[in-house]
Protein backbone atom coordinates (compact mmCIF):
# COMPACT_ATOMS: atom_id res chain seq x y z
CA MET A 1 -30.48 -122.76 108.79
CA ARG A 2 -31.16 -122.28 104.83
CA PRO A 3 -29.47 -124.57 102.33
CA ARG A 4 -27.55 -121.51 100.95
CA GLN A 5 -26.22 -120.72 104.44
CA ARG A 6 -25.00 -124.31 104.91
CA TRP A 7 -23.27 -124.14 101.62
CA VAL A 8 -21.69 -120.84 102.18
CA ARG A 9 -20.36 -122.01 105.67
CA ARG A 10 -19.05 -125.33 103.99
CA ILE A 11 -17.25 -123.41 101.26
CA HIS A 12 -15.42 -121.15 104.06
CA LYS A 13 -14.83 -123.90 106.26
CA TYR A 14 -12.92 -125.58 103.25
CA GLN A 15 -11.29 -122.68 101.80
CA GLY A 16 -8.21 -122.73 103.87
CA LEU A 17 -7.80 -126.51 102.64
CA ILE A 18 -8.37 -125.40 99.22
CA ASP A 19 -5.82 -122.70 99.33
CA GLN A 20 -3.22 -125.23 100.83
CA MET A 21 -3.85 -127.61 97.93
CA LYS A 22 -3.50 -124.75 95.17
CA ALA A 23 -0.13 -124.08 96.71
CA ASN A 24 0.95 -127.88 96.53
CA ARG A 25 -0.75 -128.44 93.05
CA ASN A 26 2.10 -130.40 91.75
CA ALA A 27 2.68 -132.47 94.87
CA GLY A 28 0.80 -135.43 93.38
CA TRP A 29 -1.71 -136.26 90.83
CA MET A 30 -4.30 -137.37 93.31
CA TRP A 31 -4.23 -133.97 95.08
CA GLY A 32 -4.41 -132.12 91.68
CA GLN A 33 -7.64 -134.33 90.94
CA ALA A 34 -8.95 -133.50 94.09
CA LEU A 35 -8.20 -129.90 93.97
CA GLU A 36 -9.98 -129.84 90.49
CA MET A 37 -13.13 -131.57 91.58
CA LEU A 38 -13.26 -129.05 94.63
CA GLU A 39 -13.02 -126.06 92.19
CA ASN A 40 -15.71 -127.61 89.94
CA ALA A 41 -17.94 -128.05 93.10
CA GLU A 42 -17.36 -124.43 94.03
CA ARG A 43 -18.06 -123.08 90.54
CA LEU A 44 -21.34 -125.47 90.48
CA GLN A 45 -22.34 -123.91 93.83
CA ARG A 46 -21.83 -120.36 92.58
CA GLN A 47 -23.68 -120.94 89.34
CA PHE A 48 -26.65 -122.57 91.51
CA PHE A 49 -27.04 -119.86 94.02
CA GLN A 50 -26.43 -116.85 91.92
CA PRO A 51 -29.21 -116.34 89.50
CA GLY A 52 -28.22 -115.86 86.00
CA ALA A 53 -24.49 -115.97 86.77
CA GLY A 54 -22.77 -114.72 83.58
CA ARG A 55 -25.88 -114.41 81.44
CA SER A 56 -26.60 -110.83 81.63
CA GLY A 57 -28.84 -110.72 84.54
CA ARG A 58 -30.93 -113.59 83.54
CA TRP A 59 -32.02 -116.37 86.01
CA GLU A 60 -32.35 -120.06 85.34
CA PRO A 61 -35.38 -122.03 86.23
CA PRO A 62 -34.82 -125.63 87.76
CA VAL A 63 -35.77 -128.40 85.44
CA ASP A 64 -36.65 -132.19 85.77
CA VAL A 65 -36.13 -134.32 82.62
CA TYR A 66 -37.81 -137.78 82.28
CA GLN A 67 -37.74 -140.18 79.48
CA SER A 68 -40.42 -142.64 78.76
CA GLY A 69 -39.97 -144.82 75.71
CA ASP A 70 -38.55 -142.49 73.13
CA ASP A 71 -40.46 -139.50 74.58
CA LEU A 72 -38.64 -137.05 76.72
CA TRP A 73 -40.71 -134.91 79.41
CA ILE A 74 -39.30 -131.59 80.55
CA PHE A 75 -40.92 -130.01 83.69
CA VAL A 76 -39.59 -126.33 84.07
CA ALA A 77 -40.47 -124.51 87.49
CA MET A 78 -41.74 -121.29 86.94
CA PRO A 79 -44.65 -120.37 89.34
CA GLY A 80 -45.97 -116.68 88.56
CA VAL A 81 -44.96 -116.76 84.91
CA PRO A 82 -47.82 -115.94 82.44
CA GLN A 83 -48.01 -118.65 79.92
CA GLU A 84 -48.24 -116.23 76.84
CA GLY A 85 -44.79 -114.77 77.83
CA VAL A 86 -43.00 -117.97 77.58
CA GLU A 87 -40.94 -118.86 74.42
CA VAL A 88 -39.89 -122.44 73.62
CA LEU A 89 -37.44 -123.33 70.96
CA ILE A 90 -35.51 -126.50 69.80
CA ASP A 91 -32.42 -125.68 68.25
CA SER A 92 -30.51 -128.82 67.11
CA THR A 93 -30.02 -130.78 70.35
CA THR A 94 -30.95 -127.90 72.84
CA LEU A 95 -34.28 -127.08 74.07
CA ILE A 96 -34.45 -123.48 75.05
CA VAL A 97 -37.07 -122.03 77.27
CA ARG A 98 -37.17 -118.17 77.93
CA GLY A 99 -39.58 -115.57 79.06
CA GLU A 100 -39.90 -113.36 82.00
CA ARG A 101 -41.35 -113.37 85.58
CA PRO A 102 -42.77 -110.02 86.46
CA LEU A 103 -42.94 -108.45 89.89
CA PRO A 104 -46.53 -108.72 91.11
CA ALA A 105 -48.32 -105.35 90.45
CA PHE A 106 -48.72 -104.34 94.23
CA ALA A 107 -44.76 -104.79 94.65
CA HIS A 108 -44.20 -101.72 92.60
CA GLY A 109 -43.55 -98.86 95.03
CA ALA A 110 -43.77 -101.19 98.05
CA VAL A 111 -41.07 -101.69 100.76
CA ILE A 112 -39.76 -105.20 100.04
CA HIS A 113 -38.59 -106.91 103.40
CA ARG A 114 -37.38 -110.19 101.65
CA LEU A 115 -37.19 -111.04 97.88
CA GLU A 116 -35.98 -114.70 97.50
CA MET A 117 -37.75 -115.64 94.21
CA PRO A 118 -36.14 -114.61 91.08
CA TYR A 119 -37.85 -111.98 88.87
CA GLY A 120 -37.08 -110.56 85.47
CA PRO A 121 -35.97 -112.16 82.50
CA PHE A 122 -34.99 -115.94 82.45
CA GLU A 123 -33.48 -118.39 79.97
CA ARG A 124 -32.96 -122.13 80.35
CA ARG A 125 -31.00 -124.26 77.92
CA ILE A 126 -31.58 -127.86 78.29
CA GLY A 127 -29.27 -130.41 76.23
CA LEU A 128 -31.07 -133.25 74.59
CA PRO A 129 -29.74 -136.52 73.29
CA ALA A 130 -28.50 -136.21 69.60
CA ALA A 131 -31.78 -136.46 67.31
CA ARG A 132 -34.11 -134.08 65.60
CA TYR A 133 -37.04 -133.53 67.93
CA GLN A 134 -40.70 -132.20 67.64
CA LEU A 135 -42.76 -130.71 70.35
CA LEU A 136 -45.59 -133.04 71.27
CA GLN A 137 -47.12 -130.93 74.25
CA ARG A 138 -46.88 -127.69 75.82
CA THR A 139 -49.04 -127.18 79.17
CA PHE A 140 -48.87 -125.38 82.39
CA ASP A 141 -49.68 -127.49 85.32
CA ALA A 142 -49.27 -126.57 89.01
CA GLY A 143 -46.66 -123.84 88.35
CA CYS A 144 -44.61 -125.86 86.03
CA LEU A 145 -44.37 -125.67 82.24
CA VAL A 146 -44.60 -129.37 80.95
CA LEU A 147 -43.00 -129.94 77.62
CA GLY A 148 -43.15 -133.33 75.73
CA VAL A 149 -40.73 -133.77 72.83
CA ARG A 150 -40.11 -136.80 70.48
CA PRO A 151 -37.21 -137.68 68.24
CA LEU A 152 -38.38 -137.52 64.50
């Protein structure tokens, strides 16, 4: 069973409980907080499993962010994305990575039996700690864009 299927089953399983809690929202502060947490979890689940939710058809590649001393290292998973088509911007305390993953040439006109990897335009905004940053390094390694940034 795929992870998405497990999440969908869990959401459906607990939907009745969520509906009951919504009806009794004012029954107690603890129930109100629990309901808010469940609604946030449901929102995050929808956002995670629906590419580009609310962003005009754009998908968001997954990222890992590490800190070593003052330097931040950001790994953006984007296999199949050509390096020259990726734009990297630092806007105040937000790192913006955007580009597009094209469909493979042989896929045009082909019958697609399964399409799980997202294609098309993407944009990922990564919040950084408050500071001004300079880009130290930008490389592609094993399907990941590796970015090193340092505060000025």
